[in-house]
């Protein structure tokens, strides 16, 4: 186990196979991202913060995606649950490169990996760690916290070839986890936690990417592409 400099997170390989000799789990994760980025990465938009807020922006985004990513969108829309993790990563990498989603959106919606918030920094500067409730016990390690307060772990068994179902299931888990902790109380009945933004940010990223994919489907139908 070692600390990675990638967004100041830990990389956990407690599940699945160990990395090859001479390569860390973190390195294989980064290699995977770099490989996806290098495969026909589109030109980066100069100013794309509002890229998806209009129909014209969506059409422009759709036209700038590579044929491979367009094919992934078409198969998803057709209801085919045959999307590979690399195909989904490639599509999301292109969306990030074009400015349609942020770096965090890309990181939080990866296939085969979970970025789990461990807690938050309190007003006194101390790190407040969240409870490891039942739905997270097989994902969260019994460790302290990283500088960024997040943990990356492999999640090979949840991927079934349907990216939106994958994101939806993760959002349900995050909602449940957040609700459980919102009900937690100290001995004096005050709330045990007062900041759930690390969890909420992940939920928002999953929802943003889901909504964008559906908007691109609708846009493609309207243009007859």
C-alpha atoms as a PDB file:
ATOM      1  CA  UNK A   1       0.000   0.000   0.000  1.00  0.00           C
ATOM      2  CA  UNK A   2       1.428   3.399  -0.841  1.00  0.00           C
ATOM      3  CA  UNK A   3       0.273   6.969  -1.332  1.00  0.00           C
ATOM      4  CA  UNK A   4      -0.167   8.098  -4.901  1.00  0.00           C
ATOM      5  CA  UNK A   5       0.213  11.672  -6.168  1.00  0.00           C
ATOM      6  CA  UNK A   6      -2.799  11.251  -8.452  1.00  0.00           C
ATOM      7  CA  UNK A   7      -5.270  13.600  -6.798  1.00  0.00           C
ATOM      8  CA  UNK A   8      -3.689  12.697  -3.459  1.00  0.00           C
ATOM      9  CA  UNK A   9      -5.464   9.379  -3.108  1.00  0.00           C
ATOM     10  CA  UNK A  10      -4.570   5.915  -1.906  1.00  0.00           C
ATOM     11  CA  UNK A  11      -4.707   3.008  -4.291  1.00  0.00           C
ATOM     12  CA  UNK A  12      -5.976  -0.232  -2.800  1.00  0.00           C
ATOM     13  CA  UNK A  13      -5.470  -3.624  -4.399  1.00  0.00           C
ATOM     14  CA  UNK A  14      -6.951  -5.736  -1.621  1.00  0.00           C
ATOM     15  CA  UNK A  15      -9.318  -7.322  -4.131  1.00  0.00           C
ATOM     16  CA  UNK A  16      -8.517  -8.908  -7.442  1.00  0.00           C
ATOM     17  CA  UNK A  17      -5.107  -9.952  -8.716  1.00  0.00           C
ATOM     18  CA  UNK A  18      -1.862  -8.291  -7.684  1.00  0.00           C
ATOM     19  CA  UNK A  19      -0.075  -6.068 -10.212  1.00  0.00           C
ATOM     20  CA  UNK A  20       2.812  -7.538 -12.193  1.00  0.00           C
ATOM     21  CA  UNK A  21       6.252  -7.410 -10.631  1.00  0.00           C
ATOM     22  CA  UNK A  22       7.802  -3.973 -10.831  1.00  0.00           C
ATOM     23  CA  UNK A  23       4.443  -2.257 -11.319  1.00  0.00           C
ATOM     24  CA  UNK A  24       2.228  -0.835  -8.641  1.00  0.00           C
ATOM     25  CA  UNK A  25      -1.564  -0.910  -8.633  1.00  0.00           C
ATOM     26  CA  UNK A  26      -1.471   2.874  -8.909  1.00  0.00           C
ATOM     27  CA  UNK A  27       0.746   2.674 -11.967  1.00  0.00           C
ATOM     28  CA  UNK A  28      -1.594   0.256 -13.728  1.00  0.00           C
ATOM     29  CA  UNK A  29      -4.502   2.569 -12.976  1.00  0.00           C
ATOM     30  CA  UNK A  30      -2.676   5.540 -14.459  1.00  0.00           C
ATOM     31  CA  UNK A  31      -1.502   3.493 -17.452  1.00  0.00           C
ATOM     32  CA  UNK A  32      -5.110   2.611 -18.128  1.00  0.00           C
ATOM     33  CA  UNK A  33      -6.152   6.248 -18.067  1.00  0.00           C
ATOM     34  CA  UNK A  34      -3.210   7.301 -20.261  1.00  0.00           C
ATOM     35  CA  UNK A  35      -3.972   4.527 -22.740  1.00  0.00           C
ATOM     36  CA  UNK A  36      -7.570   5.668 -23.035  1.00  0.00           C
ATOM     37  CA  UNK A  37      -6.478   9.269 -23.448  1.00  0.00           C
ATOM     38  CA  UNK A  38      -3.962   8.424 -26.154  1.00  0.00           C
ATOM     39  CA  UNK A  39      -6.422   6.529 -28.321  1.00  0.00           C
ATOM     40  CA  UNK A  40      -7.717   9.109 -30.791  1.00  0.00           C
ATOM     41  CA  UNK A  41      -8.102  11.898 -28.233  1.00  0.00           C
ATOM     42  CA  UNK A  42      -9.996  14.771 -29.858  1.00  0.00           C
ATOM     43  CA  UNK A  43      -8.841  18.364 -30.043  1.00  0.00           C
ATOM     44  CA  UNK A  44      -9.461  20.199 -26.782  1.00  0.00           C
ATOM     45  CA  UNK A  45     -12.057  22.945 -26.978  1.00  0.00           C
ATOM     46  CA  UNK A  46     -10.785  26.469 -26.296  1.00  0.00           C
ATOM     47  CA  UNK A  47     -13.789  27.425 -24.218  1.00  0.00           C
ATOM     48  CA  UNK A  48     -16.263  24.663 -23.514  1.00  0.00           C
ATOM     49  CA  UNK A  49     -17.695  25.440 -20.071  1.00  0.00           C
ATOM     50  CA  UNK A  50     -21.129  25.974 -21.633  1.00  0.00           C
ATOM     51  CA  UNK A  51     -20.668  23.281 -24.253  1.00  0.00           C
ATOM     52  CA  UNK A  52     -23.696  21.199 -23.312  1.00  0.00           C
ATOM     53  CA  UNK A  53     -26.163  23.888 -22.247  1.00  0.00           C
ATOM     54  CA  UNK A  54     -27.708  24.350 -25.692  1.00  0.00           C
ATOM     55  CA  UNK A  55     -28.818  22.083 -28.524  1.00  0.00           C
ATOM     56  CA  UNK A  56     -26.126  23.607 -30.738  1.00  0.00           C
ATOM     57  CA  UNK A  57     -23.530  22.843 -28.098  1.00  0.00           C
ATOM     58  CA  UNK A  58     -24.672  19.250 -27.855  1.00  0.00           C
ATOM     59  CA  UNK A  59     -24.638  18.833 -31.632  1.00  0.00           C
ATOM     60  CA  UNK A  60     -21.149  20.307 -31.782  1.00  0.00           C
ATOM     61  CA  UNK A  61     -19.997  17.947 -29.044  1.00  0.00           C
ATOM     62  CA  UNK A  62     -21.529  14.973 -30.815  1.00  0.00           C
ATOM     63  CA  UNK A  63     -19.786  15.858 -34.081  1.00  0.00           C
ATOM     64  CA  UNK A  64     -16.419  16.132 -32.339  1.00  0.00           C
ATOM     65  CA  UNK A  65     -16.559  12.700 -30.730  1.00  0.00           C
ATOM     66  CA  UNK A  66     -14.570   9.967 -32.442  1.00  0.00           C
ATOM     67  CA  UNK A  67     -16.432   7.231 -34.360  1.00  0.00           C
ATOM     68  CA  UNK A  68     -15.571   4.763 -31.606  1.00  0.00           C
ATOM     69  CA  UNK A  69     -17.240   6.866 -28.940  1.00  0.00           C
ATOM     70  CA  UNK A  70     -20.242   7.505 -31.173  1.00  0.00           C
ATOM     71  CA  UNK A  71     -20.564   3.746 -31.583  1.00  0.00           C
ATOM     72  CA  UNK A  72     -20.520   3.304 -27.792  1.00  0.00           C
ATOM     73  CA  UNK A  73     -23.330   5.855 -27.457  1.00  0.00           C
ATOM     74  CA  UNK A  74     -25.354   4.130 -30.186  1.00  0.00           C
ATOM     75  CA  UNK A  75     -25.021   0.711 -28.559  1.00  0.00           C
ATOM     76  CA  UNK A  76     -25.948   2.100 -25.157  1.00  0.00           C
ATOM     77  CA  UNK A  77     -29.026   3.778 -26.593  1.00  0.00           C
ATOM     78  CA  UNK A  78     -30.010   0.504 -28.259  1.00  0.00           C
ATOM     79  CA  UNK A  79     -29.968  -1.138 -24.836  1.00  0.00           C
ATOM     80  CA  UNK A  80     -26.958  -3.354 -25.490  1.00  0.00           C
ATOM     81  CA  UNK A  81     -25.156  -4.273 -22.282  1.00  0.00           C
ATOM     82  CA  UNK A  82     -21.910  -5.096 -24.074  1.00  0.00           C
ATOM     83  CA  UNK A  83     -19.874  -1.970 -23.372  1.00  0.00           C
ATOM     84  CA  UNK A  84     -16.381  -2.762 -22.124  1.00  0.00           C
ATOM     85  CA  UNK A  85     -14.714  -0.828 -19.333  1.00  0.00           C
ATOM     86  CA  UNK A  86     -12.112   0.508 -21.769  1.00  0.00           C
ATOM     87  CA  UNK A  87     -14.794   1.708 -24.190  1.00  0.00           C
ATOM     88  CA  UNK A  88     -16.590   3.611 -21.446  1.00  0.00           C
ATOM     89  CA  UNK A  89     -13.310   5.080 -20.206  1.00  0.00           C
ATOM     90  CA  UNK A  90     -12.459   6.182 -23.728  1.00  0.00           C
ATOM     91  CA  UNK A  91     -15.804   7.931 -24.194  1.00  0.00           C
ATOM     92  CA  UNK A  92     -15.540   9.734 -20.855  1.00  0.00           C
ATOM     93  CA  UNK A  93     -11.942  10.729 -21.562  1.00  0.00           C
ATOM     94  CA  UNK A  94     -13.070  12.362 -24.801  1.00  0.00           C
ATOM     95  CA  UNK A  95     -15.901  14.162 -23.005  1.00  0.00           C
ATOM     96  CA  UNK A  96     -13.382  15.485 -20.493  1.00  0.00           C
ATOM     97  CA  UNK A  97     -10.921  16.547 -23.201  1.00  0.00           C
ATOM     98  CA  UNK A  98     -13.712  18.451 -24.948  1.00  0.00           C
ATOM     99  CA  UNK A  99     -14.694  20.205 -21.723  1.00  0.00           C
ATOM    100  CA  UNK A 100     -18.119  18.586 -21.418  1.00  0.00           C
ATOM    101  CA  UNK A 101     -17.262  17.038 -18.044  1.00  0.00           C
ATOM    102  CA  UNK A 102     -14.650  17.948 -15.439  1.00  0.00           C
ATOM    103  CA  UNK A 103     -11.606  16.015 -14.305  1.00  0.00           C
ATOM    104  CA  UNK A 104     -13.499  15.066 -11.134  1.00  0.00           C
ATOM    105  CA  UNK A 105     -16.521  13.935 -13.170  1.00  0.00           C
ATOM    106  CA  UNK A 106     -14.211  11.689 -15.172  1.00  0.00           C
ATOM    107  CA  UNK A 107     -12.495  10.292 -12.098  1.00  0.00           C
ATOM    108  CA  UNK A 108     -15.724   9.631 -10.185  1.00  0.00           C
ATOM    109  CA  UNK A 109     -17.442   7.771 -13.029  1.00  0.00           C
ATOM    110  CA  UNK A 110     -14.685   5.343 -13.995  1.00  0.00           C
ATOM    111  CA  UNK A 111     -15.474   1.754 -14.856  1.00  0.00           C
ATOM    112  CA  UNK A 112     -13.953  -0.839 -12.581  1.00  0.00           C
ATOM    113  CA  UNK A 113     -12.764   1.655  -9.955  1.00  0.00           C
ATOM    114  CA  UNK A 114     -14.401   3.417  -7.046  1.00  0.00           C
ATOM    115  CA  UNK A 115     -13.182   6.695  -5.619  1.00  0.00           C
ATOM    116  CA  UNK A 116     -14.552   6.677  -2.095  1.00  0.00           C
ATOM    117  CA  UNK A 117     -14.557   9.756   0.149  1.00  0.00           C
ATOM    118  CA  UNK A 118     -13.195   8.847   3.577  1.00  0.00           C
ATOM    119  CA  UNK A 119     -14.414  11.989   5.328  1.00  0.00           C
ATOM    120  CA  UNK A 120     -13.918  15.750   5.464  1.00  0.00           C
ATOM    121  CA  UNK A 121     -11.820  18.407   7.143  1.00  0.00           C
ATOM    122  CA  UNK A 122     -13.523  19.953  10.168  1.00  0.00           C
ATOM    123  CA  UNK A 123     -13.432  23.616  11.175  1.00  0.00           C
ATOM    124  CA  UNK A 124     -10.654  22.861  13.659  1.00  0.00           C
ATOM    125  CA  UNK A 125      -8.468  21.464  10.887  1.00  0.00           C
ATOM    126  CA  UNK A 126      -8.937  17.855  11.965  1.00  0.00           C
ATOM    127  CA  UNK A 127      -9.970  15.146   9.540  1.00  0.00           C
ATOM    128  CA  UNK A 128     -13.411  13.739  10.376  1.00  0.00           C
ATOM    129  CA  UNK A 129     -13.700  10.187   9.101  1.00  0.00           C
ATOM    130  CA  UNK A 130     -17.061   8.824   8.023  1.00  0.00           C
ATOM    131  CA  UNK A 131     -18.492   5.645   9.513  1.00  0.00           C
ATOM    132  CA  UNK A 132     -17.907   2.508   7.478  1.00  0.00           C
ATOM    133  CA  UNK A 133     -21.500   1.357   7.165  1.00  0.00           C
ATOM    134  CA  UNK A 134     -22.479  -2.053   5.857  1.00  0.00           C
ATOM    135  CA  UNK A 135     -22.689  -1.115   2.168  1.00  0.00           C
ATOM    136  CA  UNK A 136     -19.086   0.111   2.250  1.00  0.00           C
ATOM    137  CA  UNK A 137     -17.428  -2.514   4.434  1.00  0.00           C
ATOM    138  CA  UNK A 138     -16.138  -4.485   1.452  1.00  0.00           C
ATOM    139  CA  UNK A 139     -14.679  -1.337  -0.129  1.00  0.00           C
ATOM    140  CA  UNK A 140     -13.277   0.856   2.640  1.00  0.00           C
ATOM    141  CA  UNK A 141     -10.046  -0.178   4.360  1.00  0.00           C
ATOM    142  CA  UNK A 142      -9.335   0.171   8.049  1.00  0.00           C
ATOM    143  CA  UNK A 143      -6.831   2.980   7.555  1.00  0.00           C
ATOM    144  CA  UNK A 144      -6.524   6.661   8.384  1.00  0.00           C
ATOM    145  CA  UNK A 145      -6.946   9.108   5.536  1.00  0.00           C
ATOM    146  CA  UNK A 146      -5.012  10.358   2.537  1.00  0.00           C
ATOM    147  CA  UNK A 147      -4.128  13.974   1.986  1.00  0.00           C
ATOM    148  CA  UNK A 148      -7.077  14.293  -0.348  1.00  0.00           C
ATOM    149  CA  UNK A 149      -9.374  12.256   1.893  1.00  0.00           C
ATOM    150  CA  UNK A 150     -10.232   9.726  -0.816  1.00  0.00           C
ATOM    151  CA  UNK A 151      -9.550   6.054  -1.467  1.00  0.00           C
ATOM    152  CA  UNK A 152      -9.356   4.406  -4.884  1.00  0.00           C
ATOM    153  CA  UNK A 153     -10.106   0.702  -5.006  1.00  0.00           C
ATOM    154  CA  UNK A 154     -10.796  -1.768  -7.800  1.00  0.00           C
ATOM    155  CA  UNK A 155     -14.411  -2.769  -8.268  1.00  0.00           C
ATOM    156  CA  UNK A 156     -14.209  -5.443 -10.929  1.00  0.00           C
ATOM    157  CA  UNK A 157     -17.379  -7.291 -10.032  1.00  0.00           C
ATOM    158  CA  UNK A 158     -19.958  -4.520 -10.431  1.00  0.00           C
ATOM    159  CA  UNK A 159     -19.411  -3.909 -14.141  1.00  0.00           C
ATOM    160  CA  UNK A 160     -22.052  -5.657 -16.267  1.00  0.00           C
ATOM    161  CA  UNK A 161     -21.600  -3.848 -19.574  1.00  0.00           C
ATOM    162  CA  UNK A 162     -24.238  -1.157 -18.917  1.00  0.00           C
ATOM    163  CA  UNK A 163     -22.505   2.106 -17.897  1.00  0.00           C
ATOM    164  CA  UNK A 164     -25.656   3.949 -16.821  1.00  0.00           C
ATOM    165  CA  UNK A 165     -26.831   1.046 -14.675  1.00  0.00           C
ATOM    166  CA  UNK A 166     -23.347   0.970 -13.164  1.00  0.00           C
ATOM    167  CA  UNK A 167     -23.551   4.664 -12.275  1.00  0.00           C
ATOM    168  CA  UNK A 168     -27.127   4.352 -11.020  1.00  0.00           C
ATOM    169  CA  UNK A 169     -26.233   1.504  -8.661  1.00  0.00           C
ATOM    170  CA  UNK A 170     -23.318   3.495  -7.286  1.00  0.00           C
ATOM    171  CA  UNK A 171     -25.497   6.562  -6.762  1.00  0.00           C
ATOM    172  CA  UNK A 172     -28.003   4.455  -4.819  1.00  0.00           C
ATOM    173  CA  UNK A 173     -25.213   3.210  -2.557  1.00  0.00           C
ATOM    174  CA  UNK A 174     -23.923   6.723  -1.985  1.00  0.00           C
ATOM    175  CA  UNK A 175     -27.415   8.046  -1.218  1.00  0.00           C
ATOM    176  CA  UNK A 176     -27.981   5.265   1.309  1.00  0.00           C
ATOM    177  CA  UNK A 177     -24.578   5.789   2.913  1.00  0.00           C
ATOM    178  CA  UNK A 178     -25.136   9.537   3.199  1.00  0.00           C
ATOM    179  CA  UNK A 179     -28.609   9.040   4.681  1.00  0.00           C
ATOM    180  CA  UNK A 180     -27.307   6.577   7.251  1.00  0.00           C
ATOM    181  CA  UNK A 181     -24.632   8.998   8.403  1.00  0.00           C
ATOM    182  CA  UNK A 182     -27.015  11.966   8.416  1.00  0.00           C
ATOM    183  CA  UNK A 183     -29.024  10.119  11.059  1.00  0.00           C
ATOM    184  CA  UNK A 184     -25.948   9.411  13.210  1.00  0.00           C
ATOM    185  CA  UNK A 185     -25.822  11.284  16.518  1.00  0.00           C
ATOM    186  CA  UNK A 186     -23.252  11.970  19.228  1.00  0.00           C
ATOM    187  CA  UNK A 187     -23.957  11.150  22.870  1.00  0.00           C
ATOM    188  CA  UNK A 188     -25.466  14.627  23.343  1.00  0.00           C
ATOM    189  CA  UNK A 189     -27.791  13.997  20.352  1.00  0.00           C
ATOM    190  CA  UNK A 190     -26.031  16.516  18.119  1.00  0.00           C
ATOM    191  CA  UNK A 191     -25.348  15.400  14.531  1.00  0.00           C
ATOM    192  CA  UNK A 192     -22.204  13.324  14.311  1.00  0.00           C
ATOM    193  CA  UNK A 193     -21.339  14.759  10.882  1.00  0.00           C
ATOM    194  CA  UNK A 194     -21.977  18.190   9.417  1.00  0.00           C
ATOM    195  CA  UNK A 195     -20.421  17.927   5.974  1.00  0.00           C
ATOM    196  CA  UNK A 196     -21.435  15.439   3.296  1.00  0.00           C
ATOM    197  CA  UNK A 197     -20.161  17.384   0.298  1.00  0.00           C
ATOM    198  CA  UNK A 198     -17.512  14.772  -0.665  1.00  0.00           C
ATOM    199  CA  UNK A 199     -20.305  12.212  -1.115  1.00  0.00           C
ATOM    200  CA  UNK A 200     -22.698  14.683  -2.713  1.00  0.00           C
ATOM    201  CA  UNK A 201     -20.053  15.742  -5.237  1.00  0.00           C
ATOM    202  CA  UNK A 202     -19.706  12.145  -6.394  1.00  0.00           C
ATOM    203  CA  UNK A 203     -23.462  11.728  -6.721  1.00  0.00           C
ATOM    204  CA  UNK A 204     -23.628  14.944  -8.742  1.00  0.00           C
ATOM    205  CA  UNK A 205     -20.854  13.791 -11.072  1.00  0.00           C
ATOM    206  CA  UNK A 206     -22.588  10.471 -11.732  1.00  0.00           C
ATOM    207  CA  UNK A 207     -25.859  12.256 -12.416  1.00  0.00           C
ATOM    208  CA  UNK A 208     -24.171  14.822 -14.665  1.00  0.00           C
ATOM    209  CA  UNK A 209     -22.556  12.164 -16.855  1.00  0.00           C
ATOM    210  CA  UNK A 210     -25.789  10.157 -16.976  1.00  0.00           C
ATOM    211  CA  UNK A 211     -27.792  13.226 -18.028  1.00  0.00           C
ATOM    212  CA  UNK A 212     -25.200  14.165 -20.641  1.00  0.00           C
ATOM    213  CA  UNK A 213     -25.310  10.728 -22.261  1.00  0.00           C
ATOM    214  CA  UNK A 214     -29.102  10.859 -22.430  1.00  0.00           C
ATOM    215  CA  UNK A 215     -28.984  14.396 -23.862  1.00  0.00           C
ATOM    216  CA  UNK A 216     -26.567  13.229 -26.567  1.00  0.00           C
ATOM    217  CA  UNK A 217     -28.948  10.397 -27.445  1.00  0.00           C
ATOM    218  CA  UNK A 218     -31.796  12.869 -27.841  1.00  0.00           C
ATOM    219  CA  UNK A 219     -29.628  15.238 -29.857  1.00  0.00           C
ATOM    220  CA  UNK A 220     -28.513  12.454 -32.194  1.00  0.00           C
ATOM    221  CA  UNK A 221     -32.116  11.420 -32.805  1.00  0.00           C
ATOM    222  CA  UNK A 222     -33.020  15.010 -33.655  1.00  0.00           C
ATOM    223  CA  UNK A 223     -30.204  15.444 -36.134  1.00  0.00           C
ATOM    224  CA  UNK A 224     -30.603  12.094 -37.843  1.00  0.00           C
ATOM    225  CA  UNK A 225     -26.887  11.427 -37.490  1.00  0.00           C
END
